[in-house]
Amino acid sequence: MRRISGSDASETLSSSSAPAAESESGVSPELLRKVRQIEIRTRRLVAESLAGQYHSAFKGQGMDFDEVREYQPGDEVRTIDWNVTARMNHPFVKKFREERELTVMLVVDLSGSGRFGSGQQSKRALMAELAAVLAFSAIRNQDKVGLLLFTETVEKFVPPAKGRRHVLRVVRDILFFKAEFTGTNTNGALDFLNKVLPHRAVVVVVSDFLGETNPGRAAMQAHLRRKVLHSETLGRLSQNILNQVGRRHDVIALQVGDPREQALPDVGRLLLQDAETGEVVEINTSDVRRREAFETRAKKSQKELDRLFRGARVDHLKILTPTNGAPEDAYMSELVAFFEGRQKRRRR
């Protein structure tokens, strides 16, 4: 029997641990090298692949009211100023001008499940790289970047600012900040953000969403104990928060997962430890029915999460950590396609 310290929601397993540098504190030479490597790689990726898509996907998100003018054929109905229209007895529309800069707020999950990775990269490392790509895209367009790190509580808040040094600080914090807790409370993080960020922003939540937003962990634990779980209330609670934040901000969900969270290999009996709660569960992976049930539960949980985001009108992309031998920047094509899709939807 083997004991594996795995991640969580899918009760997944790995013989690998997080990179040693992720547990380091302070600005050590190793830390600086890691941040510099991410800067070099992500700057290149932004320049080669994402620069145009970023600008088009977010263009016009920050708008300032300019003036009211008479309605003209071709104007969008949603821009009609009904108060002025009623007073003047014919339609008037609001005219806006695009703000010169946007605020991009990165909301990054630092819960214990992020340390997991069955291949060459942990989920937390991939989250940091995704956040770095977006951060460098933002400063390339003279936009501000802010950061909120959370577990079961808000661990750190970095107000939005500009500049390379600021972005490097953001990347460093995502990679090496030592969280006090290991659990997850996405709802609390978004509620906090809604209170401290008064102006409209592009809010990018980077997480594996294994927690109260996605009841996969609890559902799987219940299944392994042959218990019944009603998880729908968890989804409803999260959708309320998403709706509240979405009324003010443009919310994007970047979900980072791992292939082992979707299917278990046949490797005999395992003791699996939840990285967030510390709870240990024994499972016989040679039992075909258990493996099939695991996969079914994982698919169901993902469908629930997909439905949650659709209901809240949140754009959502899931990216998996690379398998051994795959290029670490394989996610870039998915990210480019995602932003191209946003651009097309905005044109409709």
Protein backbone atom coordinates (compact mmCIF):
# COMPACT_ATOMS: atom_id res chain seq x y z
CA MET A 1 0.00 0.00 0.00
CA ARG A 2 1.28 3.42 -0.91
CA ARG A 3 0.57 6.73 0.79
CA ILE A 4 0.30 9.67 -1.56
CA SER A 5 -0.04 13.31 -0.59
CA GLY A 6 -2.30 14.45 -3.39
CA SER A 7 -4.39 17.51 -4.09
CA ASP A 8 -8.06 17.46 -3.44
CA ALA A 9 -11.34 17.67 -5.27
CA SER A 10 -10.85 14.69 -7.47
CA GLU A 11 -8.87 13.02 -4.66
CA THR A 12 -6.06 12.78 -7.14
CA LEU A 13 -2.57 11.42 -6.70
CA SER A 14 1.00 12.21 -7.58
CA SER A 15 4.44 10.93 -6.73
CA SER A 16 5.79 14.42 -7.37
CA SER A 17 5.81 17.35 -5.01
CA ALA A 18 5.82 21.07 -5.63
CA PRO A 19 9.09 22.61 -6.77
CA ALA A 20 11.35 23.36 -3.86
CA ALA A 21 11.54 27.03 -4.80
CA GLU A 22 7.83 27.44 -4.17
CA SER A 23 8.38 27.10 -0.44
CA GLU A 24 11.17 29.66 -0.33
CA SER A 25 10.76 33.07 1.24
CA GLY A 26 12.71 36.23 0.71
CA VAL A 27 14.39 37.44 -2.43
CA SER A 28 16.98 34.72 -2.92
CA PRO A 29 19.05 34.28 -6.12
CA GLU A 30 17.00 31.19 -6.95
CA LEU A 31 13.77 33.15 -6.55
CA LEU A 32 15.03 35.95 -8.77
CA ARG A 33 16.14 33.47 -11.43
CA LYS A 34 12.72 31.83 -11.44
CA VAL A 35 10.89 35.14 -11.75
CA ARG A 36 13.28 36.28 -14.46
CA GLN A 37 12.75 33.04 -16.41
CA ILE A 38 9.00 33.55 -16.29
CA GLU A 39 9.41 37.17 -17.36
CA ILE A 40 11.55 36.26 -20.37
CA ARG A 41 9.26 33.43 -21.48
CA THR A 42 5.98 35.25 -20.95
CA ARG A 43 7.19 38.50 -22.54
CA ARG A 44 8.12 36.53 -25.65
CA LEU A 45 4.77 34.73 -25.68
CA VAL A 46 2.90 38.01 -25.28
CA ALA A 47 4.86 39.68 -28.07
CA GLU A 48 4.49 36.75 -30.46
CA SER A 49 0.98 35.52 -29.75
CA LEU A 50 -1.25 37.45 -27.39
CA ALA A 51 -0.70 41.19 -27.82
CA GLY A 52 -3.40 41.76 -30.45
CA GLN A 53 -5.91 39.38 -28.88
CA TYR A 54 -5.55 41.05 -25.49
CA HIS A 55 -6.29 44.52 -26.83
CA SER A 56 -9.26 43.37 -28.91
CA ALA A 57 -10.73 41.19 -26.16
CA PHE A 58 -10.75 44.01 -23.60
CA LYS A 59 -11.13 47.07 -25.84
CA GLY A 60 -13.97 49.27 -24.68
CA GLN A 61 -14.40 47.54 -21.33
CA GLY A 62 -13.56 50.76 -19.51
CA MET A 63 -15.89 53.49 -20.78
CA ASP A 64 -16.50 57.08 -19.69
CA PHE A 65 -19.76 58.91 -20.40
CA ASP A 66 -19.15 61.70 -22.92
CA GLU A 67 -22.45 63.27 -24.04
CA VAL A 68 -26.04 62.69 -25.15
CA ARG A 69 -26.99 63.05 -28.80
CA GLU A 70 -29.99 62.29 -30.99
CA TYR A 71 -30.56 58.71 -32.03
CA GLN A 72 -29.29 57.77 -35.50
CA PRO A 73 -30.09 54.65 -37.53
CA GLY A 74 -27.64 51.94 -36.56
CA ASP A 75 -27.25 53.03 -32.92
CA GLU A 76 -27.61 50.25 -30.37
CA VAL A 77 -30.91 50.26 -28.50
CA ARG A 78 -29.11 49.60 -25.21
CA THR A 79 -27.43 53.05 -25.45
CA ILE A 80 -30.75 54.94 -25.45
CA ASP A 81 -31.06 57.43 -22.58
CA TRP A 82 -34.69 56.88 -21.64
CA ASN A 83 -34.91 59.88 -19.31
CA VAL A 84 -33.77 62.35 -21.97
CA THR A 85 -35.88 60.55 -24.59
CA ALA A 86 -39.00 61.00 -22.44
CA ARG A 87 -38.30 64.70 -21.91
CA MET A 88 -37.57 65.46 -25.58
CA ASN A 89 -40.24 63.17 -27.06
CA HIS A 90 -37.80 61.54 -29.46
CA PRO A 91 -34.91 59.13 -28.87
CA PHE A 92 -31.51 60.19 -27.59
CA VAL A 93 -28.53 57.94 -26.95
CA LYS A 94 -25.60 58.12 -24.56
CA LYS A 95 -22.23 58.53 -26.20
CA PHE A 96 -19.18 57.08 -24.48
CA ARG A 97 -15.47 57.38 -25.00
CA GLU A 98 -13.08 54.56 -24.30
CA GLU A 99 -10.87 55.02 -21.27
CA ARG A 100 -7.19 55.20 -22.09
CA GLU A 101 -6.36 52.47 -19.61
CA LEU A 102 -7.93 49.43 -18.01
CA THR A 103 -7.43 47.84 -14.63
CA VAL A 104 -6.69 44.12 -14.70
CA MET A 105 -7.20 42.47 -11.32
CA LEU A 106 -5.66 39.02 -10.88
CA VAL A 107 -7.44 36.96 -8.21
CA VAL A 108 -5.23 33.92 -7.58
CA ASP A 109 -6.01 30.84 -5.50
CA LEU A 110 -3.14 29.81 -3.18
CA SER A 111 -4.93 26.91 -1.49
CA GLY A 112 -3.08 23.66 -0.83
CA SER A 113 -4.47 21.94 -3.91
CA GLY A 114 -2.36 24.21 -6.12
CA ARG A 115 0.82 22.42 -5.02
CA PHE A 116 -0.26 19.32 -6.92
CA GLY A 117 1.11 18.34 -10.31
CA SER A 118 1.33 14.85 -11.78
CA GLY A 119 3.73 15.97 -14.52
CA GLN A 120 6.54 18.46 -14.83
CA GLN A 121 4.68 21.51 -13.49
CA SER A 122 2.49 22.12 -10.45
CA LYS A 123 -0.84 23.86 -10.80
CA ARG A 124 0.45 26.81 -8.81
CA ALA A 125 3.41 27.22 -11.17
CA LEU A 126 1.06 27.19 -14.16
CA MET A 127 -1.25 29.68 -12.42
CA ALA A 128 1.72 31.99 -11.91
CA GLU A 129 2.70 31.75 -15.56
CA LEU A 130 -0.84 32.43 -16.78
CA ALA A 131 -1.07 35.43 -14.47
CA ALA A 132 2.33 36.65 -15.71
CA VAL A 133 1.20 36.45 -19.34
CA LEU A 134 -1.85 38.57 -18.56
CA ALA A 135 0.15 41.00 -16.42
CA PHE A 136 2.77 41.61 -19.10
CA SER A 137 0.01 41.96 -21.71
CA ALA A 138 -1.55 44.62 -19.50
CA ILE A 139 1.58 46.72 -19.03
CA ARG A 140 2.32 46.41 -22.75
CA ASN A 141 -1.00 48.25 -23.24
CA GLN A 142 -0.28 50.76 -20.45
CA ASP A 143 -2.93 49.19 -18.21
CA LYS A 144 -2.83 48.78 -14.45
CA VAL A 145 -2.43 45.39 -12.77
CA GLY A 146 -3.54 44.44 -9.26
CA LEU A 147 -3.36 41.21 -7.28
CA LEU A 148 -5.48 39.44 -4.71
CA LEU A 149 -4.15 36.19 -3.21
CA PHE A 150 -6.62 34.04 -1.33
CA THR A 151 -7.13 30.73 0.43
CA GLU A 152 -10.00 30.36 2.87
CA THR A 153 -9.33 34.02 3.60
CA VAL A 154 -7.79 36.96 1.74
CA GLU A 155 -4.05 36.44 2.17
CA LYS A 156 -2.76 39.53 0.36
CA PHE A 157 -4.07 42.46 -1.65
CA VAL A 158 -1.83 44.47 -3.97
CA PRO A 159 -3.56 47.61 -5.33
CA PRO A 160 -3.49 48.10 -9.11
CA ALA A 161 -0.43 49.88 -10.49
CA LYS A 162 1.68 50.11 -13.65
CA GLY A 163 5.21 49.19 -14.60
CA ARG A 164 7.59 46.27 -15.00
CA ARG A 165 8.81 46.31 -11.40
CA HIS A 166 5.24 46.12 -10.16
CA VAL A 167 4.44 43.18 -12.44
CA LEU A 168 7.58 41.33 -11.30
CA ARG A 169 6.42 41.81 -7.73
CA VAL A 170 3.04 40.33 -8.67
CA VAL A 171 4.67 37.28 -10.27
CA ARG A 172 6.99 36.83 -7.29
CA ASP A 173 4.09 36.93 -4.85
CA ILE A 174 2.10 34.36 -6.80
CA LEU A 175 5.04 31.98 -6.91
CA PHE A 176 6.51 32.37 -3.46
CA PHE A 177 4.04 33.96 -1.07
CA LYS A 178 3.60 31.66 1.93
CA ALA A 179 -0.11 31.40 2.62
CA GLU A 180 -1.25 31.07 6.21
CA PHE A 181 -4.11 28.71 5.37
CA THR A 182 -4.69 25.84 2.91
CA GLY A 183 -8.45 25.90 2.30
CA THR A 184 -10.48 27.74 -0.34
CA ASN A 185 -13.14 30.44 -0.15
CA THR A 186 -13.59 31.94 -3.60
CA ASN A 187 -16.82 33.61 -2.55
CA GLY A 188 -15.12 35.52 0.25
CA ALA A 189 -12.31 36.68 -2.05
CA LEU A 190 -14.74 38.02 -4.65
CA ASP A 191 -16.87 39.70 -2.00
CA PHE A 192 -13.76 41.43 -0.62
CA LEU A 193 -12.74 42.53 -4.11
CA ASN A 194 -16.15 43.98 -4.82
CA LYS A 195 -15.80 46.19 -1.74
CA VAL A 196 -12.26 47.48 -2.32
CA LEU A 197 -12.41 47.95 -6.11
CA PRO A 198 -14.91 50.76 -6.77
CA HIS A 199 -14.21 51.25 -10.48
CA ARG A 200 -14.83 48.80 -13.28
CA ALA A 201 -12.02 46.32 -13.90
CA VAL A 202 -11.24 43.12 -15.74
CA VAL A 203 -11.24 40.53 -12.93
CA VAL A 204 -9.39 37.31 -13.79
CA VAL A 205 -9.89 34.53 -11.25
CA VAL A 206 -7.10 31.96 -11.57
CA SER A 207 -7.92 28.81 -9.61
CA ASP A 208 -8.53 25.09 -9.84
CA PHE A 209 -12.01 25.84 -8.44
CA LEU A 210 -11.86 22.74 -6.27
CA GLY A 211 -13.76 23.86 -3.22
CA GLU A 212 -17.06 25.49 -2.45
CA THR A 213 -17.48 26.77 -6.00
CA ASN A 214 -17.13 23.24 -7.35
CA PRO A 215 -18.42 20.55 -4.98
CA GLY A 216 -16.30 17.83 -6.57
CA ARG A 217 -14.14 17.16 -3.51
CA ALA A 218 -17.04 16.73 -1.13
CA ALA A 219 -18.96 14.70 -3.68
CA MET A 220 -16.06 12.32 -4.20
CA GLN A 221 -15.41 11.91 -0.48
CA ALA A 222 -19.08 11.17 0.02
CA HIS A 223 -19.00 8.59 -2.74
CA LEU A 224 -15.95 6.86 -1.29
CA ARG A 225 -17.80 6.57 2.02
CA ARG A 226 -20.99 5.56 0.19
CA LYS A 227 -22.83 8.60 1.50
CA VAL A 228 -25.29 10.87 -0.27
CA LEU A 229 -24.45 14.53 -0.84
CA HIS A 230 -26.68 17.34 -2.10
CA SER A 231 -24.19 19.84 -3.50
CA GLU A 232 -26.45 22.17 -5.46
CA THR A 233 -26.62 24.78 -2.66
CA LEU A 234 -22.87 25.33 -2.96
CA GLY A 235 -23.24 26.28 -6.60
CA ARG A 236 -26.16 28.63 -5.92
CA LEU A 237 -24.20 30.49 -3.25
CA SER A 238 -21.26 31.03 -5.59
CA GLN A 239 -23.46 32.17 -8.45
CA ASN A 240 -24.91 34.92 -6.26
CA ILE A 241 -21.41 36.27 -5.63
CA LEU A 242 -20.45 35.95 -9.30
CA ASN A 243 -23.57 37.85 -10.30
CA GLN A 244 -22.79 40.65 -7.84
CA VAL A 245 -19.21 41.03 -9.05
CA GLY A 246 -20.26 40.69 -12.68
CA ARG A 247 -22.63 43.64 -12.44
CA ARG A 248 -19.65 45.94 -11.88
CA HIS A 249 -16.69 44.13 -13.42
CA ASP A 250 -15.80 41.98 -16.41
CA VAL A 251 -15.15 38.58 -14.79
CA ILE A 252 -13.06 35.84 -16.40
CA ALA A 253 -12.42 32.40 -14.87
CA LEU A 254 -9.16 30.64 -15.73
CA GLN A 255 -9.40 27.13 -14.33
CA VAL A 256 -6.14 25.24 -13.89
CA GLY A 257 -6.44 21.48 -13.56
CA ASP A 258 -4.37 18.32 -13.78
CA PRO A 259 -5.02 15.19 -15.88
CA ARG A 260 -4.95 13.00 -12.75
CA GLU A 261 -7.93 14.90 -11.39
CA GLN A 262 -10.03 13.52 -14.22
CA ALA A 263 -9.09 9.84 -14.17
CA LEU A 264 -7.26 7.46 -11.81
CA PRO A 265 -4.64 4.99 -13.04
CA ASP A 266 -4.78 1.33 -12.03
CA VAL A 267 -1.99 1.18 -9.42
CA GLY A 268 -3.58 -0.80 -6.58
CA ARG A 269 -4.50 0.45 -3.12
CA LEU A 270 -3.64 4.02 -2.23
CA LEU A 271 -3.97 6.30 0.75
CA LEU A 272 -4.83 9.71 -0.67
CA GLN A 273 -4.42 12.85 1.40
CA ASP A 274 -6.42 16.00 0.76
CA ALA A 275 -3.87 18.83 0.55
CA GLU A 276 -6.35 21.38 1.91
CA THR A 277 -7.99 19.50 4.80
CA GLY A 278 -5.35 16.88 5.59
CA GLU A 279 -8.02 14.16 5.47
CA VAL A 280 -6.85 10.73 4.31
CA VAL A 281 -8.98 8.32 2.28
CA GLU A 282 -8.08 4.80 1.17
CA ILE A 283 -9.10 3.72 -2.32
CA ASN A 284 -8.48 0.60 -4.38
CA THR A 285 -7.64 1.91 -7.84
CA SER A 286 -7.66 -1.64 -9.24
CA ASP A 287 -11.43 -1.67 -8.73
CA VAL A 288 -12.81 -0.80 -12.17
CA ARG A 289 -16.09 0.39 -10.69
CA ARG A 290 -14.28 2.81 -8.39
CA ARG A 291 -12.23 4.23 -11.24
CA GLU A 292 -15.33 4.63 -13.38
CA ALA A 293 -17.20 6.25 -10.49
CA PHE A 294 -14.27 8.61 -9.92
CA GLU A 295 -14.29 9.66 -13.57
CA THR A 296 -18.08 10.05 -13.59
CA ARG A 297 -17.98 12.24 -10.50
CA ALA A 298 -15.20 14.36 -11.95
CA LYS A 299 -17.18 14.90 -15.16
CA LYS A 300 -20.33 15.74 -13.21
CA SER A 301 -18.50 18.25 -11.04
CA GLN A 302 -17.00 19.91 -14.12
CA LYS A 303 -20.41 20.15 -15.75
CA GLU A 304 -21.79 21.78 -12.60
CA LEU A 305 -18.97 24.30 -12.66
CA ASP A 306 -19.45 24.99 -16.38
CA ARG A 307 -23.16 25.56 -15.77
CA LEU A 308 -22.39 27.87 -12.87
CA PHE A 309 -20.19 30.10 -15.03
CA ARG A 310 -22.66 30.12 -17.90
CA GLY A 311 -25.44 31.14 -15.53
CA ALA A 312 -23.37 34.05 -14.26
CA ARG A 313 -22.21 34.98 -17.81
CA VAL A 314 -18.59 34.48 -16.86
CA ASP A 315 -16.15 33.60 -19.65
CA HIS A 316 -14.40 30.39 -18.61
CA LEU A 317 -11.32 28.52 -19.83
CA LYS A 318 -9.87 25.32 -18.37
CA ILE A 319 -6.17 24.60 -18.89
CA LEU A 320 -4.40 21.42 -17.75
CA THR A 321 -0.85 21.17 -16.46
CA PRO A 322 1.46 19.74 -19.14
CA THR A 323 2.25 16.04 -19.16
CA ASN A 324 5.87 14.94 -19.05
CA GLY A 325 7.57 15.78 -22.34
CA ALA A 326 5.02 18.39 -23.40
CA PRO A 327 6.16 22.01 -23.84
CA GLU A 328 5.40 24.13 -20.78
CA ASP A 329 3.89 26.88 -22.93
CA ALA A 330 1.43 24.52 -24.62
CA TYR A 331 -1.36 26.49 -22.93
CA MET A 332 -0.64 29.52 -25.10
CA SER A 333 -2.64 28.34 -28.11
CA GLU A 334 -5.64 27.73 -25.83
CA LEU A 335 -5.30 31.19 -24.31
CA VAL A 336 -5.08 32.86 -27.73
CA ALA A 337 -8.14 30.95 -28.98
CA PHE A 338 -10.03 31.93 -25.82
CA PHE A 339 -9.38 35.65 -26.31
CA GLU A 340 -10.17 35.40 -30.02
CA GLY A 341 -13.51 33.90 -29.01
CA ARG A 342 -14.15 36.80 -26.63
CA GLN A 343 -13.37 39.23 -29.43
CA LYS A 344 -15.88 37.55 -31.77
CA ARG A 345 -18.60 37.49 -29.12
CA ARG A 346 -18.10 41.21 -28.45
CA ARG A 347 -18.67 41.96 -32.14
CA ARG A 348 -22.11 40.36 -32.16
